């Protein structure tokens, strides 16, 4: 049977009006085992047994996204579709593993 994934909650983030950077710990999982997905409103990293996902508050430009796995971290470099300071990262009305977090 599949084991329940361990939900990663210890992420950090910073923003400017045009970009967003989100870091999550790699937790010793090798790079080739990290499966990352980014769409305009959603980011995900699946690196068994760990799982991280976020529904973003606003839209990003998925074509300009860069994901870097180095120095024990998985870093999402995201470019905002419309320049603005978001102040919060997460779309709280979306249902995902992160909505229980304090922002």
PDB file of N, CA and C in Angstrom:
ATOM      1  N   UNK A   1       0.841  -1.197   0.000  1.00  0.00           N
ATOM      2  CA  UNK A   1       0.000   0.000   0.000  1.00  0.00           C
ATOM      3  C   UNK A   1       0.876   1.247   0.000  1.00  0.00           C
ATOM      4  N   UNK A   2       0.382   2.291  -0.620  1.00  0.00           N
ATOM      5  CA  UNK A   2       1.095   3.563  -0.632  1.00  0.00           C
ATOM      6  C   UNK A   2       1.129   4.130   0.778  1.00  0.00           C
ATOM      7  N   UNK A   3       2.290   4.611   1.172  1.00  0.00           N
ATOM      8  CA  UNK A   3       2.348   5.312   2.451  1.00  0.00           C
ATOM      9  C   UNK A   3       1.840   6.726   2.249  1.00  0.00           C
ATOM     10  N   UNK A   4       1.252   7.267   3.301  1.00  0.00           N
ATOM     11  CA  UNK A   4       0.822   8.657   3.226  1.00  0.00           C
ATOM     12  C   UNK A   4       2.050   9.544   3.060  1.00  0.00           C
ATOM     13  N   UNK A   5       2.010  10.531   2.178  1.00  0.00           N
ATOM     14  CA  UNK A   5       3.165  11.422   2.042  1.00  0.00           C
ATOM     15  C   UNK A   5       3.323  12.298   3.280  1.00  0.00           C
ATOM     16  N   UNK A   6       4.540  12.714   3.503  1.00  0.00           N
ATOM     17  CA  UNK A   6       4.826  13.658   4.575  1.00  0.00           C
ATOM     18  C   UNK A   6       4.728  15.051   3.967  1.00  0.00           C
ATOM     19  N   UNK A   7       3.788  15.836   4.455  1.00  0.00           N
ATOM     20  CA  UNK A   7       3.537  17.151   3.869  1.00  0.00           C
ATOM     21  C   UNK A   7       4.598  18.133   4.364  1.00  0.00           C
ATOM     22  N   UNK A   8       5.279  18.766   3.436  1.00  0.00           N
ATOM     23  CA  UNK A   8       6.311  19.748   3.782  1.00  0.00           C
ATOM     24  C   UNK A   8       5.638  21.080   4.081  1.00  0.00           C
ATOM     25  N   UNK A   9       5.874  21.570   5.304  1.00  0.00           N
ATOM     26  CA  UNK A   9       5.274  22.841   5.699  1.00  0.00           C
ATOM     27  C   UNK A   9       6.324  23.891   6.010  1.00  0.00           C
ATOM     28  N   UNK A  10       7.574  23.476   6.085  1.00  0.00           N
ATOM     29  CA  UNK A  10       8.603  24.435   6.486  1.00  0.00           C
ATOM     30  C   UNK A  10       9.210  25.102   5.261  1.00  0.00           C
ATOM     31  N   UNK A  11       8.381  25.908   4.607  1.00  0.00           N
ATOM     32  CA  UNK A  11       8.883  26.639   3.451  1.00  0.00           C
ATOM     33  C   UNK A  11       9.131  28.099   3.827  1.00  0.00           C
ATOM     34  N   UNK A  12       9.944  28.755   3.038  1.00  0.00           N
ATOM     35  CA  UNK A  12      10.162  30.189   3.199  1.00  0.00           C
ATOM     36  C   UNK A  12       9.923  30.842   1.861  1.00  0.00           C
ATOM     37  N   UNK A  13       9.595  32.121   1.886  1.00  0.00           N
ATOM     38  CA  UNK A  13       9.366  32.816   0.622  1.00  0.00           C
ATOM     39  C   UNK A  13       9.684  34.289   0.750  1.00  0.00           C
ATOM     40  N   UNK A  14       9.963  34.897  -0.373  1.00  0.00           N
ATOM     41  CA  UNK A  14      10.139  36.345  -0.417  1.00  0.00           C
ATOM     42  C   UNK A  14       9.595  36.820  -1.748  1.00  0.00           C
ATOM     43  N   UNK A  15       9.310  38.106  -1.828  1.00  0.00           N
ATOM     44  CA  UNK A  15       8.748  38.636  -3.063  1.00  0.00           C
ATOM     45  C   UNK A  15       9.247  40.051  -3.326  1.00  0.00           C
ATOM     46  N   UNK A  16       9.241  40.404  -4.604  1.00  0.00           N
ATOM     47  CA  UNK A  16       9.304  41.806  -5.000  1.00  0.00           C
ATOM     48  C   UNK A  16       8.006  42.030  -5.769  1.00  0.00           C
ATOM     49  N   UNK A  17       7.857  43.178  -6.399  1.00  0.00           N
ATOM     50  CA  UNK A  17       6.596  43.330  -7.131  1.00  0.00           C
ATOM     51  C   UNK A  17       6.553  42.525  -8.419  1.00  0.00           C
ATOM     52  N   UNK A  18       7.698  42.034  -8.871  1.00  0.00           N
ATOM     53  CA  UNK A  18       7.683  41.264 -10.122  1.00  0.00           C
ATOM     54  C   UNK A  18       8.000  39.787  -9.945  1.00  0.00           C
ATOM     55  N   UNK A  19       8.603  39.420  -8.816  1.00  0.00           N
ATOM     56  CA  UNK A  19       9.008  38.019  -8.685  1.00  0.00           C
ATOM     57  C   UNK A  19       8.714  37.465  -7.303  1.00  0.00           C
ATOM     58  N   UNK A  20       8.804  36.150  -7.260  1.00  0.00           N
ATOM     59  CA  UNK A  20       8.482  35.405  -6.057  1.00  0.00           C
ATOM     60  C   UNK A  20       9.510  34.293  -5.948  1.00  0.00           C
ATOM     61  N   UNK A  21      10.083  34.135  -4.775  1.00  0.00           N
ATOM     62  CA  UNK A  21      11.023  33.036  -4.555  1.00  0.00           C
ATOM     63  C   UNK A  21      10.516  32.209  -3.378  1.00  0.00           C
ATOM     64  N   UNK A  22      10.457  30.906  -3.583  1.00  0.00           N
ATOM     65  CA  UNK A  22       9.966  29.993  -2.539  1.00  0.00           C
ATOM     66  C   UNK A  22      11.002  28.897  -2.357  1.00  0.00           C
ATOM     67  N   UNK A  23      11.408  28.664  -1.100  1.00  0.00           N
ATOM     68  CA  UNK A  23      12.394  27.623  -0.806  1.00  0.00           C
ATOM     69  C   UNK A  23      11.766  26.553   0.051  1.00  0.00           C
ATOM     70  N   UNK A  24      12.037  25.314  -0.295  1.00  0.00           N
ATOM     71  CA  UNK A  24      11.662  24.213   0.596  1.00  0.00           C
ATOM     72  C   UNK A  24      12.884  23.327   0.814  1.00  0.00           C
ATOM     73  N   UNK A  25      12.979  22.680   1.967  1.00  0.00           N
ATOM     74  CA  UNK A  25      14.139  21.822   2.227  1.00  0.00           C
ATOM     75  C   UNK A  25      14.098  20.556   1.381  1.00  0.00           C
ATOM     76  N   UNK A  26      15.239  20.177   0.881  1.00  0.00           N
ATOM     77  CA  UNK A  26      15.347  18.981   0.027  1.00  0.00           C
ATOM     78  C   UNK A  26      15.327  17.689   0.854  1.00  0.00           C
ATOM     79  N   UNK A  27      15.682  17.808   2.114  1.00  0.00           N
ATOM     80  CA  UNK A  27      15.584  16.696   3.074  1.00  0.00           C
ATOM     81  C   UNK A  27      16.361  15.453   2.642  1.00  0.00           C
ATOM     82  N   UNK A  28      17.489  15.675   1.991  1.00  0.00           N
ATOM     83  CA  UNK A  28      18.364  14.554   1.661  1.00  0.00           C
ATOM     84  C   UNK A  28      17.904  13.685   0.504  1.00  0.00           C
ATOM     85  N   UNK A  29      16.813  14.059  -0.139  1.00  0.00           N
ATOM     86  CA  UNK A  29      16.335  13.274  -1.285  1.00  0.00           C
ATOM     87  C   UNK A  29      17.156  13.681  -2.514  1.00  0.00           C
ATOM     88  N   UNK A  30      17.602  12.694  -3.288  1.00  0.00           N
ATOM     89  CA  UNK A  30      18.460  13.094  -4.393  1.00  0.00           C
ATOM     90  C   UNK A  30      17.660  13.768  -5.500  1.00  0.00           C
ATOM     91  N   UNK A  31      18.387  14.669  -6.156  1.00  0.00           N
ATOM     92  CA  UNK A  31      17.786  15.544  -7.133  1.00  0.00           C
ATOM     93  C   UNK A  31      16.966  14.821  -8.197  1.00  0.00           C
ATOM     94  N   UNK A  32      17.474  13.685  -8.653  1.00  0.00           N
ATOM     95  CA  UNK A  32      16.771  12.966  -9.717  1.00  0.00           C
ATOM     96  C   UNK A  32      15.434  12.399  -9.252  1.00  0.00           C
ATOM     97  N   UNK A  33      15.219  12.369  -7.932  1.00  0.00           N
ATOM     98  CA  UNK A  33      13.953  11.837  -7.404  1.00  0.00           C
ATOM     99  C   UNK A  33      12.939  12.933  -7.118  1.00  0.00           C
ATOM    100  N   UNK A  34      13.283  14.173  -7.420  1.00  0.00           N
ATOM    101  CA  UNK A  34      12.368  15.287  -7.146  1.00  0.00           C
ATOM    102  C   UNK A  34      11.553  15.583  -8.397  1.00  0.00           C
ATOM    103  N   UNK A  35      10.239  15.463  -8.267  1.00  0.00           N
ATOM    104  CA  UNK A  35       9.338  15.729  -9.384  1.00  0.00           C
ATOM    105  C   UNK A  35       8.639  17.057  -9.121  1.00  0.00           C
ATOM    106  N   UNK A  36       8.877  18.038  -9.988  1.00  0.00           N
ATOM    107  CA  UNK A  36       8.352  19.381  -9.768  1.00  0.00           C
ATOM    108  C   UNK A  36       7.352  19.724 -10.855  1.00  0.00           C
ATOM    109  N   UNK A  37       6.273  20.393 -10.474  1.00  0.00           N
ATOM    110  CA  UNK A  37       5.298  20.864 -11.449  1.00  0.00           C
ATOM    111  C   UNK A  37       4.934  22.306 -11.127  1.00  0.00           C
ATOM    112  N   UNK A  38       4.859  23.134 -12.159  1.00  0.00           N
ATOM    113  CA  UNK A  38       4.460  24.532 -11.972  1.00  0.00           C
ATOM    114  C   UNK A  38       3.423  24.875 -13.034  1.00  0.00           C
ATOM    115  N   UNK A  39       2.289  25.416 -12.605  1.00  0.00           N
ATOM    116  CA  UNK A  39       1.326  25.984 -13.550  1.00  0.00           C
ATOM    117  C   UNK A  39       1.100  27.436 -13.117  1.00  0.00           C
ATOM    118  N   UNK A  40       0.203  28.128 -13.820  1.00  0.00           N
ATOM    119  CA  UNK A  40       0.032  29.562 -13.543  1.00  0.00           C
ATOM    120  C   UNK A  40      -0.393  29.883 -12.113  1.00  0.00           C
ATOM    121  N   UNK A  41      -1.108  28.961 -11.477  1.00  0.00           N
ATOM    122  CA  UNK A  41      -1.598  29.244 -10.134  1.00  0.00           C
ATOM    123  C   UNK A  41      -1.183  28.190  -9.101  1.00  0.00           C
ATOM    124  N   UNK A  42      -0.350  27.244  -9.489  1.00  0.00           N
ATOM    125  CA  UNK A  42      -0.116  26.099  -8.596  1.00  0.00           C
ATOM    126  C   UNK A  42       1.318  25.624  -8.745  1.00  0.00           C
ATOM    127  N   UNK A  43       1.957  25.324  -7.617  1.00  0.00           N
ATOM    128  CA  UNK A  43       3.287  24.700  -7.653  1.00  0.00           C
ATOM    129  C   UNK A  43       3.290  23.445  -6.783  1.00  0.00           C
ATOM    130  N   UNK A  44       4.106  22.487  -7.206  1.00  0.00           N
ATOM    131  CA  UNK A  44       4.136  21.212  -6.503  1.00  0.00           C
ATOM    132  C   UNK A  44       5.537  20.621  -6.590  1.00  0.00           C
ATOM    133  N   UNK A  45       5.963  20.009  -5.500  1.00  0.00           N
ATOM    134  CA  UNK A  45       7.187  19.203  -5.527  1.00  0.00           C
ATOM    135  C   UNK A  45       6.862  17.888  -4.844  1.00  0.00           C
ATOM    136  N   UNK A  46       7.084  16.804  -5.570  1.00  0.00           N
ATOM    137  CA  UNK A  46       6.794  15.485  -5.038  1.00  0.00           C
ATOM    138  C   UNK A  46       8.124  14.740  -4.966  1.00  0.00           C
ATOM    139  N   UNK A  47       8.611  14.476  -3.742  1.00  0.00           N
ATOM    140  CA  UNK A  47       9.880  13.775  -3.597  1.00  0.00           C
ATOM    141  C   UNK A  47       9.743  12.816  -2.438  1.00  0.00           C
ATOM    142  N   UNK A  48       9.177  11.694  -2.791  1.00  0.00           N
ATOM    143  CA  UNK A  48       8.754  10.688  -1.838  1.00  0.00           C
ATOM    144  C   UNK A  48       9.830  10.436  -0.766  1.00  0.00           C
ATOM    145  N   UNK A  49       9.422  10.386   0.505  1.00  0.00           N
ATOM    146  CA  UNK A  49       8.044  10.433   1.028  1.00  0.00           C
ATOM    147  C   UNK A  49       7.487  11.841   1.219  1.00  0.00           C
ATOM    148  N   UNK A  50       8.187  12.854   0.748  1.00  0.00           N
ATOM    149  CA  UNK A  50       7.762  14.234   0.999  1.00  0.00           C
ATOM    150  C   UNK A  50       6.912  14.775  -0.135  1.00  0.00           C
ATOM    151  N   UNK A  51       6.030  15.698   0.232  1.00  0.00           N
ATOM    152  CA  UNK A  51       5.138  16.310  -0.761  1.00  0.00           C
ATOM    153  C   UNK A  51       4.882  17.753  -0.358  1.00  0.00           C
ATOM    154  N   UNK A  52       4.992  18.652  -1.327  1.00  0.00           N
ATOM    155  CA  UNK A  52       4.747  20.075  -1.087  1.00  0.00           C
ATOM    156  C   UNK A  52       3.876  20.595  -2.212  1.00  0.00           C
ATOM    157  N   UNK A  53       2.843  21.356  -1.872  1.00  0.00           N
ATOM    158  CA  UNK A  53       2.122  22.052  -2.917  1.00  0.00           C
ATOM    159  C   UNK A  53       1.506  23.329  -2.385  1.00  0.00           C
ATOM    160  N   UNK A  54       1.309  24.271  -3.292  1.00  0.00           N
ATOM    161  CA  UNK A  54       0.699  25.554  -2.936  1.00  0.00           C
ATOM    162  C   UNK A  54      -0.175  26.026  -4.077  1.00  0.00           C
ATOM    163  N   UNK A  55      -1.363  26.510  -3.721  1.00  0.00           N
ATOM    164  CA  UNK A  55      -2.188  27.246  -4.661  1.00  0.00           C
ATOM    165  C   UNK A  55      -1.849  28.715  -4.471  1.00  0.00           C
ATOM    166  N   UNK A  56      -1.320  29.334  -5.506  1.00  0.00           N
ATOM    167  CA  UNK A  56      -0.826  30.700  -5.384  1.00  0.00           C
ATOM    168  C   UNK A  56      -1.969  31.706  -5.396  1.00  0.00           C
ATOM    169  N   UNK A  57      -1.740  32.796  -4.676  1.00  0.00           N
ATOM    170  CA  UNK A  57      -2.783  33.813  -4.540  1.00  0.00           C
ATOM    171  C   UNK A  57      -3.107  34.478  -5.876  1.00  0.00           C
ATOM    172  N   UNK A  58      -2.068  34.740  -6.672  1.00  0.00           N
ATOM    173  CA  UNK A  58      -2.255  35.397  -7.963  1.00  0.00           C
ATOM    174  C   UNK A  58      -1.546  34.582  -9.031  1.00  0.00           C
ATOM    175  N   UNK A  59      -1.599  35.076 -10.254  1.00  0.00           N
ATOM    176  CA  UNK A  59      -1.061  34.299 -11.369  1.00  0.00           C
ATOM    177  C   UNK A  59       0.429  34.562 -11.580  1.00  0.00           C
ATOM    178  N   UNK A  60       1.148  33.511 -11.948  1.00  0.00           N
ATOM    179  CA  UNK A  60       2.547  33.641 -12.347  1.00  0.00           C
ATOM    180  C   UNK A  60       2.685  33.270 -13.820  1.00  0.00           C
ATOM    181  N   UNK A  61       3.846  33.587 -14.368  1.00  0.00           N
ATOM    182  CA  UNK A  61       4.139  33.236 -15.756  1.00  0.00           C
ATOM    183  C   UNK A  61       4.917  31.923 -15.749  1.00  0.00           C
ATOM    184  N   UNK A  62       4.215  30.832 -16.007  1.00  0.00           N
ATOM    185  CA  UNK A  62       4.859  29.519 -15.867  1.00  0.00           C
ATOM    186  C   UNK A  62       6.031  29.343 -16.830  1.00  0.00           C
ATOM    187  N   UNK A  63       6.008  30.036 -17.963  1.00  0.00           N
ATOM    188  CA  UNK A  63       7.091  29.887 -18.938  1.00  0.00           C
ATOM    189  C   UNK A  63       8.404  30.493 -18.451  1.00  0.00           C
ATOM    190  N   UNK A  64       8.328  31.424 -17.516  1.00  0.00           N
ATOM    191  CA  UNK A  64       9.543  32.087 -17.024  1.00  0.00           C
ATOM    192  C   UNK A  64      10.022  31.492 -15.702  1.00  0.00           C
ATOM    193  N   UNK A  65       9.362  30.473 -15.245  1.00  0.00           N
ATOM    194  CA  UNK A  65       9.712  29.855 -13.977  1.00  0.00           C
ATOM    195  C   UNK A  65      11.041  29.126 -14.055  1.00  0.00           C
ATOM    196  N   UNK A  66      11.825  29.223 -12.997  1.00  0.00           N
ATOM    197  CA  UNK A  66      13.013  28.389 -12.874  1.00  0.00           C
ATOM    198  C   UNK A  66      12.947  27.666 -11.540  1.00  0.00           C
ATOM    199  N   UNK A  67      13.295  26.399 -11.564  1.00  0.00           N
ATOM    200  CA  UNK A  67      13.384  25.638 -10.317  1.00  0.00           C
ATOM    201  C   UNK A  67      14.824  25.172 -10.189  1.00  0.00           C
ATOM    202  N   UNK A  68      15.430  25.470  -9.047  1.00  0.00           N
ATOM    203  CA  UNK A  68      16.824  25.118  -8.814  1.00  0.00           C
ATOM    204  C   UNK A  68      16.886  24.180  -7.613  1.00  0.00           C
ATOM    205  N   UNK A  69      17.565  23.054  -7.804  1.00  0.00           N
ATOM    206  CA  UNK A  69      17.750  22.114  -6.687  1.00  0.00           C
ATOM    207  C   UNK A  69      19.234  22.102  -6.362  1.00  0.00           C
ATOM    208  N   UNK A  70      19.591  22.722  -5.242  1.00  0.00           N
ATOM    209  CA  UNK A  70      21.000  22.850  -4.868  1.00  0.00           C
ATOM    210  C   UNK A  70      21.084  23.247  -3.407  1.00  0.00           C
ATOM    211  N   UNK A  71      22.242  22.971  -2.793  1.00  0.00           N
ATOM    212  CA  UNK A  71      22.506  23.381  -1.412  1.00  0.00           C
ATOM    213  C   UNK A  71      21.430  22.907  -0.441  1.00  0.00           C
ATOM    214  N   UNK A  72      20.893  21.724  -0.705  1.00  0.00           N
ATOM    215  CA  UNK A  72      19.910  21.175   0.231  1.00  0.00           C
ATOM    216  C   UNK A  72      18.539  21.820   0.157  1.00  0.00           C
ATOM    217  N   UNK A  73      18.305  22.615  -0.879  1.00  0.00           N
ATOM    218  CA  UNK A  73      17.014  23.285  -1.011  1.00  0.00           C
ATOM    219  C   UNK A  73      16.462  23.094  -2.416  1.00  0.00           C
ATOM    220  N   UNK A  74      15.139  23.136  -2.494  1.00  0.00           N
ATOM    221  CA  UNK A  74      14.455  23.217  -3.778  1.00  0.00           C
ATOM    222  C   UNK A  74      13.903  24.636  -3.845  1.00  0.00           C
ATOM    223  N   UNK A  75      14.339  25.401  -4.828  1.00  0.00           N
ATOM    224  CA  UNK A  75      13.942  26.806  -4.923  1.00  0.00           C
ATOM    225  C   UNK A  75      13.131  27.038  -6.184  1.00  0.00           C
ATOM    226  N   UNK A  76      11.947  27.612  -5.985  1.00  0.00           N
ATOM    227  CA  UNK A  76      11.107  28.029  -7.108  1.00  0.00           C
ATOM    228  C   UNK A  76      11.336  29.518  -7.326  1.00  0.00           C
ATOM    229  N   UNK A  77      11.821  29.887  -8.515  1.00  0.00           N
ATOM    230  CA  UNK A  77      11.938  31.290  -8.899  1.00  0.00           C
ATOM    231  C   UNK A  77      10.782  31.579  -9.841  1.00  0.00           C
ATOM    232  N   UNK A  78       9.833  32.356  -9.380  1.00  0.00           N
ATOM    233  CA  UNK A  78       8.603  32.574 -10.133  1.00  0.00           C
ATOM    234  C   UNK A  78       8.488  34.043 -10.531  1.00  0.00           C
ATOM    235  N   UNK A  79       7.988  34.296 -11.728  1.00  0.00           N
ATOM    236  CA  UNK A  79       7.779  35.663 -12.200  1.00  0.00           C
ATOM    237  C   UNK A  79       6.275  35.941 -12.214  1.00  0.00           C
ATOM    238  N   UNK A  80       5.880  37.011 -11.580  1.00  0.00           N
ATOM    239  CA  UNK A  80       4.461  37.346 -11.495  1.00  0.00           C
ATOM    240  C   UNK A  80       3.935  37.815 -12.853  1.00  0.00           C
ATOM    241  N   UNK A  81       2.728  37.416 -13.139  1.00  0.00           N
ATOM    242  CA  UNK A  81       2.086  37.837 -14.393  1.00  0.00           C
ATOM    243  C   UNK A  81       1.869  39.353 -14.395  1.00  0.00           C
ATOM    244  N   UNK A  82       1.338  39.860 -13.301  1.00  0.00           N
ATOM    245  CA  UNK A  82       1.110  41.307 -13.177  1.00  0.00           C
ATOM    246  C   UNK A  82       1.897  41.813 -11.979  1.00  0.00           C
ATOM    247  N   UNK A  83       2.772  42.794 -12.192  1.00  0.00           N
ATOM    248  CA  UNK A  83       3.578  43.293 -11.074  1.00  0.00           C
ATOM    249  C   UNK A  83       2.701  43.850  -9.953  1.00  0.00           C
ATOM    250  N   UNK A  84       2.930  43.344  -8.762  1.00  0.00           N
ATOM    251  CA  UNK A  84       2.198  43.798  -7.579  1.00  0.00           C
ATOM    252  C   UNK A  84       2.786  43.071  -6.385  1.00  0.00           C
ATOM    253  N   UNK A  85       2.680  43.694  -5.215  1.00  0.00           N
ATOM    254  CA  UNK A  85       3.067  42.999  -3.991  1.00  0.00           C
ATOM    255  C   UNK A  85       1.842  42.231  -3.500  1.00  0.00           C
ATOM    256  N   UNK A  86       2.018  40.935  -3.287  1.00  0.00           N
ATOM    257  CA  UNK A  86       0.881  40.092  -2.881  1.00  0.00           C
ATOM    258  C   UNK A  86       0.610  40.124  -1.390  1.00  0.00           C
ATOM    259  N   UNK A  87       1.664  40.236  -0.605  1.00  0.00           N
ATOM    260  CA  UNK A  87       1.618  40.209   0.861  1.00  0.00           C
ATOM    261  C   UNK A  87       1.307  38.841   1.449  1.00  0.00           C
ATOM    262  N   UNK A  88       0.433  38.090   0.831  1.00  0.00           N
ATOM    263  CA  UNK A  88       0.301  36.686   1.218  1.00  0.00           C
ATOM    264  C   UNK A  88       0.542  35.845  -0.024  1.00  0.00           C
ATOM    265  N   UNK A  89       0.949  34.621   0.199  1.00  0.00           N
ATOM    266  CA  UNK A  89       1.390  33.763  -0.890  1.00  0.00           C
ATOM    267  C   UNK A  89       0.283  32.858  -1.398  1.00  0.00           C
ATOM    268  N   UNK A  90      -0.581  32.444  -0.482  1.00  0.00           N
ATOM    269  CA  UNK A  90      -1.470  31.318  -0.744  1.00  0.00           C
ATOM    270  C   UNK A  90      -2.890  31.783  -1.000  1.00  0.00           C
ATOM    271  N   UNK A  91      -3.532  31.121  -1.929  1.00  0.00           N
ATOM    272  CA  UNK A  91      -4.962  31.302  -2.157  1.00  0.00           C
ATOM    273  C   UNK A  91      -5.712  30.462  -1.125  1.00  0.00           C
ATOM    274  N   UNK A  92      -6.262  31.130  -0.128  1.00  0.00           N
ATOM    275  CA  UNK A  92      -6.853  30.385   0.994  1.00  0.00           C
ATOM    276  C   UNK A  92      -8.151  29.687   0.640  1.00  0.00           C
ATOM    277  N   UNK A  93      -8.773  30.068  -0.460  1.00  0.00           N
ATOM    278  CA  UNK A  93     -10.023  29.392  -0.794  1.00  0.00           C
ATOM    279  C   UNK A  93      -9.777  28.091  -1.538  1.00  0.00           C
ATOM    280  N   UNK A  94      -8.533  27.883  -1.987  1.00  0.00           N
ATOM    281  CA  UNK A  94      -8.224  26.640  -2.701  1.00  0.00           C
ATOM    282  C   UNK A  94      -7.983  25.531  -1.685  1.00  0.00           C
ATOM    283  N   UNK A  95      -8.329  24.341  -2.065  1.00  0.00           N
ATOM    284  CA  UNK A  95      -8.165  23.203  -1.158  1.00  0.00           C
ATOM    285  C   UNK A  95      -6.827  22.525  -1.435  1.00  0.00           C
ATOM    286  N   UNK A  96      -5.912  22.623  -0.507  1.00  0.00           N
ATOM    287  CA  UNK A  96      -4.679  21.851  -0.672  1.00  0.00           C
ATOM    288  C   UNK A  96      -4.069  21.614   0.686  1.00  0.00           C
ATOM    289  N   UNK A  97      -2.941  20.969   0.680  1.00  0.00           N
ATOM    290  CA  UNK A  97      -2.342  20.562   1.940  1.00  0.00           C
ATOM    291  C   UNK A  97      -1.823  21.744   2.727  1.00  0.00           C
ATOM    292  N   UNK A  98      -1.692  22.893   2.084  1.00  0.00           N
ATOM    293  CA  UNK A  98      -1.051  24.023   2.736  1.00  0.00           C
ATOM    294  C   UNK A  98      -2.052  25.009   3.315  1.00  0.00           C
ATOM    295  N   UNK A  99      -3.332  24.819   3.027  1.00  0.00           N
ATOM    296  CA  UNK A  99      -4.293  25.838   3.437  1.00  0.00           C
ATOM    297  C   UNK A  99      -4.465  25.878   4.952  1.00  0.00           C
ATOM    298  N   UNK A 100      -4.021  24.876   5.632  1.00  0.00           N
ATOM    299  CA  UNK A 100      -4.140  24.907   7.088  1.00  0.00           C
ATOM    300  C   UNK A 100      -3.044  25.726   7.746  1.00  0.00           C
ATOM    301  N   UNK A 101      -2.111  26.185   6.946  1.00  0.00           N
ATOM    302  CA  UNK A 101      -0.989  26.933   7.498  1.00  0.00           C
ATOM    303  C   UNK A 101      -1.390  28.340   7.850  1.00  0.00           C
ATOM    304  N   UNK A 102      -0.741  28.890   8.859  1.00  0.00           N
ATOM    305  CA  UNK A 102      -0.831  30.332   9.003  1.00  0.00           C
ATOM    306  C   UNK A 102       0.078  30.920   7.925  1.00  0.00           C
ATOM    307  N   UNK A 103      -0.324  31.969   7.348  1.00  0.00           N
ATOM    308  CA  UNK A 103       0.446  32.556   6.244  1.00  0.00           C
ATOM    309  C   UNK A 103       1.519  33.476   6.826  1.00  0.00           C
TER     310      UNK A 103
END
